[in-house]
Protein backbone atom coordinates (compact mmCIF):
# COMPACT_ATOMS: atom_id res chain seq x y z
CA UNK A 1 91.52 84.69 127.09
CA UNK A 2 87.29 86.04 126.57
CA UNK A 3 85.51 83.77 123.84
CA UNK A 4 85.71 87.05 121.65
CA UNK A 5 89.35 87.65 121.99
CA UNK A 6 89.97 84.06 120.97
CA UNK A 7 87.56 83.99 118.34
CA UNK A 8 89.33 87.34 116.57
CA UNK A 9 92.67 85.56 117.61
CA UNK A 10 91.93 82.79 115.24
CA UNK A 11 90.21 84.06 112.59
CA UNK A 12 93.47 86.26 111.40
CA UNK A 13 96.61 84.73 110.39
CA UNK A 14 99.66 84.78 113.18
CA UNK A 15 101.94 87.33 112.08
CA UNK A 16 104.48 84.57 112.12
CA UNK A 17 102.67 82.55 109.40
CA UNK A 18 103.45 85.12 106.95
CA UNK A 19 107.13 84.92 105.07
CA UNK A 20 108.47 87.08 102.60
CA UNK A 21 109.19 85.72 99.02
CA UNK A 22 110.95 86.69 96.05
CA UNK A 23 108.70 88.55 93.73
CA UNK A 24 107.32 86.50 90.39
CA UNK A 25 106.81 88.54 86.89
CA UNK A 26 103.22 87.16 87.70
CA UNK A 27 102.95 89.39 90.65
CA UNK A 28 102.72 92.91 88.30
CA UNK A 29 99.67 91.29 87.33
CA UNK A 30 98.06 89.76 90.07
CA UNK A 31 98.55 93.26 92.58
CA UNK A 32 98.00 96.79 91.86
CA UNK A 33 100.33 98.13 94.09
CA UNK A 34 103.53 96.48 95.92
CA UNK A 35 105.40 97.93 98.68
CA UNK A 36 109.26 98.34 97.86
CA UNK A 37 111.86 98.35 100.56
CA UNK A 38 114.99 98.97 99.44
CA UNK A 39 116.68 100.26 95.78
CA UNK A 40 117.75 96.54 94.87
CA UNK A 41 113.85 95.33 95.25
CA UNK A 42 113.28 98.30 93.25
CA UNK A 43 115.44 97.33 90.73
CA UNK A 44 113.78 94.07 90.60
CA UNK A 45 110.67 94.90 89.82
CA UNK A 46 111.62 97.67 87.73
CA UNK A 47 112.76 94.91 85.50
CA UNK A 48 109.65 92.27 85.70
CA UNK A 49 107.22 94.75 85.79
CA UNK A 50 108.37 97.89 83.51
CA UNK A 51 110.19 96.64 80.86
CA UNK A 52 114.07 96.97 81.53
CA UNK A 53 116.57 99.04 83.45
CA UNK A 54 115.94 102.14 81.15
CA UNK A 55 112.78 102.64 83.10
CA UNK A 56 114.36 102.81 86.83
CA UNK A 57 114.27 106.52 87.32
CA UNK A 58 110.61 106.67 86.08
CA UNK A 59 109.70 103.25 88.69
CA UNK A 60 111.91 105.17 91.55
CA UNK A 61 109.76 108.59 91.00
CA UNK A 62 106.29 106.79 91.10
CA UNK A 63 107.60 105.00 94.08
CA UNK A 64 108.72 107.78 95.58
CA UNK A 65 105.22 109.90 95.12
CA UNK A 66 103.15 106.88 96.42
CA UNK A 67 105.08 106.31 99.39
CA UNK A 68 104.88 110.55 100.34
CA UNK A 69 101.32 109.46 99.70
CA UNK A 70 101.36 106.57 101.93
CA UNK A 71 102.75 108.39 104.54
CA UNK A 72 100.21 111.64 104.53
CA UNK A 73 97.43 108.96 104.90
CA UNK A 74 99.23 107.32 107.49
CA UNK A 75 99.48 110.30 109.52
CA UNK A 76 96.24 111.85 108.65
CA UNK A 77 94.59 108.29 110.16
CA UNK A 78 97.07 108.38 113.57
CA UNK A 79 96.40 112.63 114.09
CA UNK A 80 92.92 112.18 113.51
CA UNK A 81 92.47 109.65 116.59
CA UNK A 82 94.54 111.67 118.87
């Protein structure tokens, strides 16, 4: 391996060093965005960050809008390089 490759590799954490964890209420203040992968996790975030079950529809709508926006950005970047 050349020196530059070794330097770049050592500057980044390995994927195996990252671990999933439970969402905590302080995460709502710490992070501007959270990528939530399923409906159960969305309900947990809704309760922790949005104040309860009555706002689930609003949270789901916002998550769907954000997902569509993120997908648009990813597609633009990907196809711009082709």
